[in-house]
Amino acid sequence: MKYGICPISVAPLRLETKDSSEMVSQVLYGEHFKIIEERKKWVKIRLAHDSYEGWIDIKQVFEIEAELYHEIENTEHLFARDLISHITHHDESLSTITIGAQISTAPSLADSYQLESTKGGSKEDLINNALLLLNTPYLWGGRTPLGMDCSGFTQLIYRLSGYKLLRDASQQATQGEVLSFIEEAEEGDLAFFDNNDGHITHVGLIMRDNYIVHAHGKIRIDRLDQSGIFNVEQNIHTHKLRVIKKVLQF
């Protein structure tokens, strides 16, 4: 088994081994992974934090030893909390990173970075981080403030507070406790929405007073009721509510 880490600010994770292939997700700076298959110019990886798989350009991979991979796994991770920031390497060169970039405190890596970060775990932290990303453009597979999809958004918000969500909306819907009524929902709970075929395709973060923040065209705030998401500007329901889940117990 081989192992790697992302050495650049963001790398596309693709469905197939070509640059024109669908981007299914993104790998952020500092995220580590297992290399599970190799081609001439591509490697298939399995991310450590959510087990998501896809193909990444081999030029955007920094291979590490198994010992370092496990050292990273077993030490605390900090996450960049500014939308865009910089880190300073041990050779005094700079790299641009985005919110959510993973900064390991593993001793073998600790001298490479100078970054202060704090971990929060309250409802207020979740909502404040979500509001920081308002108006971020929608991007299928995206996980950065330059573009993200609905589940990439909720996964990032939870991760900044130290909690793990799976990558896709349908996967996230398998986590947590089902709430029977919308009135039981609290700030930080997740609402899931399905399509006409009954497949869960959308997720958003519940706020106070029946509001929801989610990625639809951009990160935006809309109303939430028993039917789903109501867009006041268009005067229509844009998403059909399937289930509300409590993933975190505050």
C-alpha atoms as a PDB file:
ATOM      1  CA  MET A   1       0.000   0.000   0.000  1.00  0.00           C
ATOM      2  CA  LYS A   2       1.234   3.498  -0.886  1.00  0.00           C
ATOM      3  CA  TYR A   3       0.243   6.762   0.772  1.00  0.00           C
ATOM      4  CA  GLY A   4       0.133  10.425  -0.152  1.00  0.00           C
ATOM      5  CA  ILE A   5      -0.730  13.951   0.898  1.00  0.00           C
ATOM      6  CA  CYS A   6      -2.013  16.919  -1.107  1.00  0.00           C
ATOM      7  CA  PRO A   7       0.808  19.498  -1.455  1.00  0.00           C
ATOM      8  CA  ILE A   8      -1.208  22.190  -3.289  1.00  0.00           C
ATOM      9  CA  SER A   9      -4.150  24.391  -2.284  1.00  0.00           C
ATOM     10  CA  VAL A  10      -6.764  22.257  -4.052  1.00  0.00           C
ATOM     11  CA  ALA A  11      -6.646  19.327  -6.467  1.00  0.00           C
ATOM     12  CA  PRO A  12      -9.608  18.009  -8.490  1.00  0.00           C
ATOM     13  CA  LEU A  13     -10.717  14.463  -7.725  1.00  0.00           C
ATOM     14  CA  ARG A  14     -12.064  12.938 -10.934  1.00  0.00           C
ATOM     15  CA  LEU A  15     -14.326  10.054 -11.874  1.00  0.00           C
ATOM     16  CA  GLU A  16     -11.989   8.798 -14.602  1.00  0.00           C
ATOM     17  CA  THR A  17      -8.348   9.139 -15.634  1.00  0.00           C
ATOM     18  CA  LYS A  18      -8.571  12.219 -17.824  1.00  0.00           C
ATOM     19  CA  ASP A  19      -8.662  15.964 -17.275  1.00  0.00           C
ATOM     20  CA  SER A  20     -12.032  16.257 -19.008  1.00  0.00           C
ATOM     21  CA  SER A  21     -13.646  13.730 -16.641  1.00  0.00           C
ATOM     22  CA  GLU A  22     -16.295  14.760 -14.132  1.00  0.00           C
ATOM     23  CA  MET A  23     -14.910  16.303 -10.948  1.00  0.00           C
ATOM     24  CA  VAL A  24     -16.563  14.329  -8.146  1.00  0.00           C
ATOM     25  CA  SER A  25     -14.828  16.184  -5.311  1.00  0.00           C
ATOM     26  CA  GLN A  26     -11.706  18.115  -4.420  1.00  0.00           C
ATOM     27  CA  VAL A  27      -8.691  17.348  -2.250  1.00  0.00           C
ATOM     28  CA  LEU A  28      -7.600  20.248  -0.064  1.00  0.00           C
ATOM     29  CA  TYR A  29      -4.102  21.129   1.028  1.00  0.00           C
ATOM     30  CA  GLY A  30      -2.745  18.759   3.675  1.00  0.00           C
ATOM     31  CA  GLU A  31      -5.378  16.044   3.285  1.00  0.00           C
ATOM     32  CA  HIS A  32      -3.826  12.586   3.362  1.00  0.00           C
ATOM     33  CA  PHE A  33      -4.923   9.439   1.589  1.00  0.00           C
ATOM     34  CA  LYS A  34      -4.183   5.897   0.546  1.00  0.00           C
ATOM     35  CA  ILE A  35      -3.155   5.189  -3.054  1.00  0.00           C
ATOM     36  CA  ILE A  36      -5.249   2.211  -4.097  1.00  0.00           C
ATOM     37  CA  GLU A  37      -4.543   2.028  -7.847  1.00  0.00           C
ATOM     38  CA  GLU A  38      -1.958   3.495 -10.205  1.00  0.00           C
ATOM     39  CA  ARG A  39      -1.899   4.397 -13.878  1.00  0.00           C
ATOM     40  CA  LYS A  40       0.818   6.119 -15.897  1.00  0.00           C
ATOM     41  CA  LYS A  41      -0.300   9.686 -15.130  1.00  0.00           C
ATOM     42  CA  TRP A  42      -3.020   9.117 -12.522  1.00  0.00           C
ATOM     43  CA  VAL A  43      -3.516   7.512  -9.127  1.00  0.00           C
ATOM     44  CA  LYS A  44      -6.775   6.418  -7.530  1.00  0.00           C
ATOM     45  CA  ILE A  45      -6.931   7.504  -3.904  1.00  0.00           C
ATOM     46  CA  ARG A  46      -9.100   6.905  -0.837  1.00  0.00           C
ATOM     47  CA  LEU A  47      -9.233   9.962   1.409  1.00  0.00           C
ATOM     48  CA  ALA A  48      -8.558   9.321   5.073  1.00  0.00           C
ATOM     49  CA  HIS A  49     -11.216  11.635   6.504  1.00  0.00           C
ATOM     50  CA  ASP A  50     -14.272  10.353   4.611  1.00  0.00           C
ATOM     51  CA  SER A  51     -13.084   7.305   2.587  1.00  0.00           C
ATOM     52  CA  TYR A  52     -14.132   9.013  -0.657  1.00  0.00           C
ATOM     53  CA  GLU A  53     -12.433   7.667  -3.771  1.00  0.00           C
ATOM     54  CA  GLY A  54     -11.432   9.131  -7.103  1.00  0.00           C
ATOM     55  CA  TRP A  55      -8.577   9.779  -9.521  1.00  0.00           C
ATOM     56  CA  ILE A  56      -5.999  12.527  -9.043  1.00  0.00           C
ATOM     57  CA  ASP A  57      -3.218  13.709 -11.346  1.00  0.00           C
ATOM     58  CA  ILE A  58       0.019  12.101 -10.163  1.00  0.00           C
ATOM     59  CA  LYS A  59       1.775  15.485 -10.431  1.00  0.00           C
ATOM     60  CA  GLN A  60      -0.488  16.775  -7.656  1.00  0.00           C
ATOM     61  CA  VAL A  61       0.443  14.029  -5.190  1.00  0.00           C
ATOM     62  CA  PHE A  62       3.271  14.043  -2.671  1.00  0.00           C
ATOM     63  CA  GLU A  63       3.985  10.450  -1.713  1.00  0.00           C
ATOM     64  CA  ILE A  64       4.695   9.743   1.959  1.00  0.00           C
ATOM     65  CA  GLU A  65       5.816   6.714   3.925  1.00  0.00           C
ATOM     66  CA  ALA A  66       3.357   4.515   5.808  1.00  0.00           C
ATOM     67  CA  GLU A  67       4.845   5.668   9.121  1.00  0.00           C
ATOM     68  CA  LEU A  68       4.093   9.314   8.361  1.00  0.00           C
ATOM     69  CA  TYR A  69       0.563   8.480   7.166  1.00  0.00           C
ATOM     70  CA  HIS A  70      -0.210   6.763  10.473  1.00  0.00           C
ATOM     71  CA  GLU A  71       1.491   9.548  12.424  1.00  0.00           C
ATOM     72  CA  ILE A  72      -0.818  12.064  10.738  1.00  0.00           C
ATOM     73  CA  GLU A  73      -3.800   9.814  11.467  1.00  0.00           C
ATOM     74  CA  ASN A  74      -2.973   9.652  15.154  1.00  0.00           C
ATOM     75  CA  THR A  75      -2.315  13.345  15.821  1.00  0.00           C
ATOM     76  CA  GLU A  76      -4.625  16.337  16.036  1.00  0.00           C
ATOM     77  CA  HIS A  77      -5.632  18.152  12.873  1.00  0.00           C
ATOM     78  CA  LEU A  78      -6.114  21.885  12.726  1.00  0.00           C
ATOM     79  CA  PHE A  79      -8.022  23.542   9.911  1.00  0.00           C
ATOM     80  CA  ALA A  80      -7.518  26.878   8.200  1.00  0.00           C
ATOM     81  CA  ARG A  81     -10.410  29.117   9.196  1.00  0.00           C
ATOM     82  CA  ASP A  82      -9.978  32.140   6.919  1.00  0.00           C
ATOM     83  CA  LEU A  83     -11.558  31.977   3.477  1.00  0.00           C
ATOM     84  CA  ILE A  84      -8.152  32.436   1.870  1.00  0.00           C
ATOM     85  CA  SER A  85      -4.858  32.500   3.746  1.00  0.00           C
ATOM     86  CA  HIS A  86      -1.206  31.566   3.425  1.00  0.00           C
ATOM     87  CA  ILE A  87       1.118  29.200   5.174  1.00  0.00           C
ATOM     88  CA  THR A  88       4.863  29.569   5.463  1.00  0.00           C
ATOM     89  CA  HIS A  89       7.009  26.515   4.811  1.00  0.00           C
ATOM     90  CA  HIS A  90      10.261  25.767   6.603  1.00  0.00           C
ATOM     91  CA  ASP A  91      12.156  27.140   3.582  1.00  0.00           C
ATOM     92  CA  GLU A  92      10.173  30.405   3.948  1.00  0.00           C
ATOM     93  CA  SER A  93       8.241  29.863   0.713  1.00  0.00           C
ATOM     94  CA  LEU A  94       4.490  30.545   0.782  1.00  0.00           C
ATOM     95  CA  SER A  95       1.461  28.523  -0.266  1.00  0.00           C
ATOM     96  CA  THR A  96      -2.098  29.797  -0.635  1.00  0.00           C
ATOM     97  CA  ILE A  97      -4.695  27.677   1.140  1.00  0.00           C
ATOM     98  CA  THR A  98      -8.457  27.851   1.559  1.00  0.00           C
ATOM     99  CA  ILE A  99     -10.756  27.432   4.536  1.00  0.00           C
ATOM    100  CA  GLY A 100     -10.768  23.800   5.649  1.00  0.00           C
ATOM    101  CA  ALA A 101      -7.191  23.061   4.579  1.00  0.00           C
ATOM    102  CA  GLN A 102      -5.766  20.416   6.903  1.00  0.00           C
ATOM    103  CA  ILE A 103      -2.784  21.321   9.043  1.00  0.00           C
ATOM    104  CA  SER A 104      -1.345  18.307  10.824  1.00  0.00           C
ATOM    105  CA  THR A 105       0.398  18.637  14.173  1.00  0.00           C
ATOM    106  CA  ALA A 106       2.409  15.478  13.513  1.00  0.00           C
ATOM    107  CA  PRO A 107       5.993  16.154  14.698  1.00  0.00           C
ATOM    108  CA  SER A 108       7.402  15.122  11.318  1.00  0.00           C
ATOM    109  CA  LEU A 109       5.391  17.894   9.646  1.00  0.00           C
ATOM    110  CA  ALA A 110       4.958  20.503  12.354  1.00  0.00           C
ATOM    111  CA  ASP A 111       8.076  22.503  11.424  1.00  0.00           C
ATOM    112  CA  SER A 112       6.771  23.036   7.894  1.00  0.00           C
ATOM    113  CA  TYR A 113       3.923  25.343   8.794  1.00  0.00           C
ATOM    114  CA  GLN A 114       3.195  28.476  10.747  1.00  0.00           C
ATOM    115  CA  LEU A 115      -0.558  28.668  11.194  1.00  0.00           C
ATOM    116  CA  GLU A 116      -2.751  29.336  14.163  1.00  0.00           C
ATOM    117  CA  SER A 117      -6.140  27.727  14.239  1.00  0.00           C
ATOM    118  CA  THR A 118      -8.796  26.961  16.819  1.00  0.00           C
ATOM    119  CA  LYS A 119     -11.431  24.295  16.901  1.00  0.00           C
ATOM    120  CA  GLY A 120     -15.001  25.133  17.837  1.00  0.00           C
ATOM    121  CA  GLY A 121     -17.887  22.821  18.491  1.00  0.00           C
ATOM    122  CA  SER A 122     -20.998  24.865  19.259  1.00  0.00           C
ATOM    123  CA  LYS A 123     -24.124  25.556  17.234  1.00  0.00           C
ATOM    124  CA  GLU A 124     -22.972  29.130  16.934  1.00  0.00           C
ATOM    125  CA  ASP A 125     -19.667  28.008  15.413  1.00  0.00           C
ATOM    126  CA  LEU A 126     -21.488  25.969  12.777  1.00  0.00           C
ATOM    127  CA  ILE A 127     -23.766  28.824  11.776  1.00  0.00           C
ATOM    128  CA  ASN A 128     -21.058  31.507  11.873  1.00  0.00           C
ATOM    129  CA  ASN A 129     -18.803  29.423   9.624  1.00  0.00           C
ATOM    130  CA  ALA A 130     -21.724  28.776   7.278  1.00  0.00           C
ATOM    131  CA  LEU A 131     -22.505  32.502   7.038  1.00  0.00           C
ATOM    132  CA  LEU A 132     -18.862  33.193   6.226  1.00  0.00           C
ATOM    133  CA  LEU A 133     -19.411  31.267   2.989  1.00  0.00           C
ATOM    134  CA  LEU A 134     -22.565  33.073   1.841  1.00  0.00           C
ATOM    135  CA  ASN A 135     -22.612  33.792  -1.911  1.00  0.00           C
ATOM    136  CA  THR A 136     -19.971  31.167  -2.669  1.00  0.00           C
ATOM    137  CA  PRO A 137     -20.787  29.962  -6.219  1.00  0.00           C
ATOM    138  CA  TYR A 138     -22.231  26.490  -6.676  1.00  0.00           C
ATOM    139  CA  LEU A 139     -19.718  24.067  -8.192  1.00  0.00           C
ATOM    140  CA  TRP A 140     -20.360  20.353  -8.618  1.00  0.00           C
ATOM    141  CA  GLY A 141     -17.695  18.543  -6.597  1.00  0.00           C
ATOM    142  CA  GLY A 142     -16.377  21.798  -5.093  1.00  0.00           C
ATOM    143  CA  ARG A 143     -15.125  22.207  -1.535  1.00  0.00           C
ATOM    144  CA  THR A 144     -13.610  25.721  -1.485  1.00  0.00           C
ATOM    145  CA  PRO A 145     -14.931  29.314  -1.155  1.00  0.00           C
ATOM    146  CA  LEU A 146     -14.384  29.661  -4.906  1.00  0.00           C
ATOM    147  CA  GLY A 147     -17.087  27.041  -5.506  1.00  0.00           C
ATOM    148  CA  MET A 148     -18.755  24.176  -3.668  1.00  0.00           C
ATOM    149  CA  ASP A 149     -21.721  21.839  -3.865  1.00  0.00           C
ATOM    150  CA  CYS A 150     -24.390  21.250  -1.225  1.00  0.00           C
ATOM    151  CA  SER A 151     -22.775  18.305   0.548  1.00  0.00           C
ATOM    152  CA  GLY A 152     -19.274  19.724   0.205  1.00  0.00           C
ATOM    153  CA  PHE A 153     -20.622  22.766   2.052  1.00  0.00           C
ATOM    154  CA  THR A 154     -22.180  20.859   4.953  1.00  0.00           C
ATOM    155  CA  GLN A 155     -19.200  18.514   5.216  1.00  0.00           C
ATOM    156  CA  LEU A 156     -16.803  21.459   5.454  1.00  0.00           C
ATOM    157  CA  ILE A 157     -18.897  23.302   8.051  1.00  0.00           C
ATOM    158  CA  TYR A 158     -19.062  20.241  10.278  1.00  0.00           C
ATOM    159  CA  ARG A 159     -15.372  19.472   9.790  1.00  0.00           C
ATOM    160  CA  LEU A 160     -14.328  22.946  10.902  1.00  0.00           C
ATOM    161  CA  SER A 161     -15.954  22.128  14.239  1.00  0.00           C
ATOM    162  CA  GLY A 162     -14.235  18.773  14.471  1.00  0.00           C
ATOM    163  CA  TYR A 163     -17.063  16.503  13.291  1.00  0.00           C
ATOM    164  CA  LYS A 164     -16.971  14.067  10.401  1.00  0.00           C
ATOM    165  CA  LEU A 165     -19.629  13.892   7.700  1.00  0.00           C
ATOM    166  CA  LEU A 166     -19.481  11.641   4.666  1.00  0.00           C
ATOM    167  CA  ARG A 167     -19.070  13.291   1.256  1.00  0.00           C
ATOM    168  CA  ASP A 168     -22.355  13.010  -0.669  1.00  0.00           C
ATOM    169  CA  ALA A 169     -25.836  14.076   0.474  1.00  0.00           C
ATOM    170  CA  SER A 170     -27.163  10.513   0.183  1.00  0.00           C
ATOM    171  CA  GLN A 171     -24.269   9.295   2.357  1.00  0.00           C
ATOM    172  CA  GLN A 172     -24.709  12.042   4.940  1.00  0.00           C
ATOM    173  CA  ALA A 173     -28.397  11.072   5.203  1.00  0.00           C
ATOM    174  CA  THR A 174     -27.312   7.736   6.709  1.00  0.00           C
ATOM    175  CA  GLN A 175     -25.759   9.527   9.693  1.00  0.00           C
ATOM    176  CA  GLY A 176     -27.477  10.776  12.822  1.00  0.00           C
ATOM    177  CA  GLU A 177     -30.936  10.482  14.352  1.00  0.00           C
ATOM    178  CA  VAL A 178     -34.171  11.017  12.434  1.00  0.00           C
ATOM    179  CA  LEU A 179     -36.433  13.814  13.706  1.00  0.00           C
ATOM    180  CA  SER A 180     -40.172  13.255  13.278  1.00  0.00           C
ATOM    181  CA  PHE A 181     -41.221  16.885  12.947  1.00  0.00           C
ATOM    182  CA  ILE A 182     -39.630  20.059  11.693  1.00  0.00           C
ATOM    183  CA  GLU A 183     -40.530  21.671  15.027  1.00  0.00           C
ATOM    184  CA  GLU A 184     -37.995  19.353  16.703  1.00  0.00           C
ATOM    185  CA  ALA A 185     -35.151  20.707  14.583  1.00  0.00           C
ATOM    186  CA  GLU A 186     -32.490  22.965  16.064  1.00  0.00           C
ATOM    187  CA  GLU A 187     -29.675  25.066  14.689  1.00  0.00           C
ATOM    188  CA  GLY A 188     -27.024  22.838  13.165  1.00  0.00           C
ATOM    189  CA  ASP A 189     -29.326  19.946  12.233  1.00  0.00           C
ATOM    190  CA  LEU A 190     -29.322  18.774   8.628  1.00  0.00           C
ATOM    191  CA  ALA A 191     -32.295  18.678   6.257  1.00  0.00           C
ATOM    192  CA  PHE A 192     -32.271  16.325   3.267  1.00  0.00           C
ATOM    193  CA  PHE A 193     -34.264  16.580   0.069  1.00  0.00           C
ATOM    194  CA  ASP A 194     -35.102  14.072  -2.654  1.00  0.00           C
ATOM    195  CA  ASN A 195     -35.904  14.156  -6.360  1.00  0.00           C
ATOM    196  CA  ASN A 196     -38.903  12.762  -8.209  1.00  0.00           C
ATOM    197  CA  ASP A 197     -37.354   9.301  -8.140  1.00  0.00           C
ATOM    198  CA  GLY A 198     -37.035   9.370  -4.359  1.00  0.00           C
ATOM    199  CA  HIS A 199     -33.239   9.696  -4.344  1.00  0.00           C
ATOM    200  CA  ILE A 200     -31.700  12.110  -1.839  1.00  0.00           C
ATOM    201  CA  THR A 201     -29.857  14.724  -3.865  1.00  0.00           C
ATOM    202  CA  HIS A 202     -29.642  17.806  -1.640  1.00  0.00           C
ATOM    203  CA  VAL A 203     -28.746  18.802   1.914  1.00  0.00           C
ATOM    204  CA  GLY A 204     -28.763  22.028   3.895  1.00  0.00           C
ATOM    205  CA  LEU A 205     -27.938  23.333   7.364  1.00  0.00           C
ATOM    206  CA  ILE A 206     -30.904  24.356   9.505  1.00  0.00           C
ATOM    207  CA  MET A 207     -30.881  27.792  11.167  1.00  0.00           C
ATOM    208  CA  ARG A 208     -33.188  29.472  13.667  1.00  0.00           C
ATOM    209  CA  ASP A 209     -36.786  30.443  12.932  1.00  0.00           C
ATOM    210  CA  ASN A 210     -37.265  27.987  10.044  1.00  0.00           C
ATOM    211  CA  TYR A 211     -34.430  29.231   7.859  1.00  0.00           C
ATOM    212  CA  ILE A 212     -31.914  27.046   6.038  1.00  0.00           C
ATOM    213  CA  VAL A 213     -28.521  27.805   4.502  1.00  0.00           C
ATOM    214  CA  HIS A 214     -27.599  25.675   1.510  1.00  0.00           C
ATOM    215  CA  ALA A 215     -25.879  25.596  -1.886  1.00  0.00           C
ATOM    216  CA  HIS A 216     -28.297  26.278  -4.744  1.00  0.00           C
ATOM    217  CA  GLY A 217     -26.737  28.453  -7.443  1.00  0.00           C
ATOM    218  CA  LYS A 218     -24.731  29.894  -4.571  1.00  0.00           C
ATOM    219  CA  ILE A 219     -24.603  29.512  -0.809  1.00  0.00           C
ATOM    220  CA  ARG A 220     -27.865  31.190   0.195  1.00  0.00           C
ATOM    221  CA  ILE A 221     -30.465  31.423   2.939  1.00  0.00           C
ATOM    222  CA  ASP A 222     -34.058  30.370   2.271  1.00  0.00           C
ATOM    223  CA  ARG A 223     -37.173  29.447   4.253  1.00  0.00           C
ATOM    224  CA  LEU A 224     -37.827  25.867   5.369  1.00  0.00           C
ATOM    225  CA  ASP A 225     -41.257  24.341   5.947  1.00  0.00           C
ATOM    226  CA  GLN A 226     -42.841  20.880   6.016  1.00  0.00           C
ATOM    227  CA  SER A 227     -42.903  20.797   2.213  1.00  0.00           C
ATOM    228  CA  GLY A 228     -39.287  21.777   1.707  1.00  0.00           C
ATOM    229  CA  ILE A 229     -37.225  24.831   0.794  1.00  0.00           C
ATOM    230  CA  PHE A 230     -39.206  27.913  -0.179  1.00  0.00           C
ATOM    231  CA  ASN A 231     -37.460  30.529  -2.289  1.00  0.00           C
ATOM    232  CA  VAL A 232     -39.068  33.884  -1.499  1.00  0.00           C
ATOM    233  CA  GLU A 233     -37.543  35.566  -4.558  1.00  0.00           C
ATOM    234  CA  GLN A 234     -39.053  33.017  -6.953  1.00  0.00           C
ATOM    235  CA  ASN A 235     -42.124  32.373  -4.769  1.00  0.00           C
ATOM    236  CA  ILE A 236     -41.762  28.603  -5.229  1.00  0.00           C
ATOM    237  CA  HIS A 237     -40.573  25.514  -3.394  1.00  0.00           C
ATOM    238  CA  THR A 238     -37.257  24.533  -4.955  1.00  0.00           C
ATOM    239  CA  HIS A 239     -36.581  21.326  -2.996  1.00  0.00           C
ATOM    240  CA  LYS A 240     -38.852  18.629  -1.529  1.00  0.00           C
ATOM    241  CA  LEU A 241     -38.149  17.730   2.095  1.00  0.00           C
ATOM    242  CA  ARG A 242     -37.362  14.069   2.749  1.00  0.00           C
ATOM    243  CA  VAL A 243     -35.950  13.881   6.268  1.00  0.00           C
ATOM    244  CA  ILE A 244     -34.324  15.926   9.028  1.00  0.00           C
ATOM    245  CA  LYS A 245     -31.391  14.414  10.909  1.00  0.00           C
ATOM    246  CA  LYS A 246     -29.721  15.363  14.179  1.00  0.00           C
ATOM    247  CA  VAL A 247     -26.099  14.418  13.706  1.00  0.00           C
ATOM    248  CA  LEU A 248     -24.676  16.330  16.668  1.00  0.00           C
ATOM    249  CA  GLN A 249     -25.870  16.404  20.268  1.00  0.00           C
ATOM    250  CA  PHE A 250     -24.940  19.806  21.692  1.00  0.00           C
END
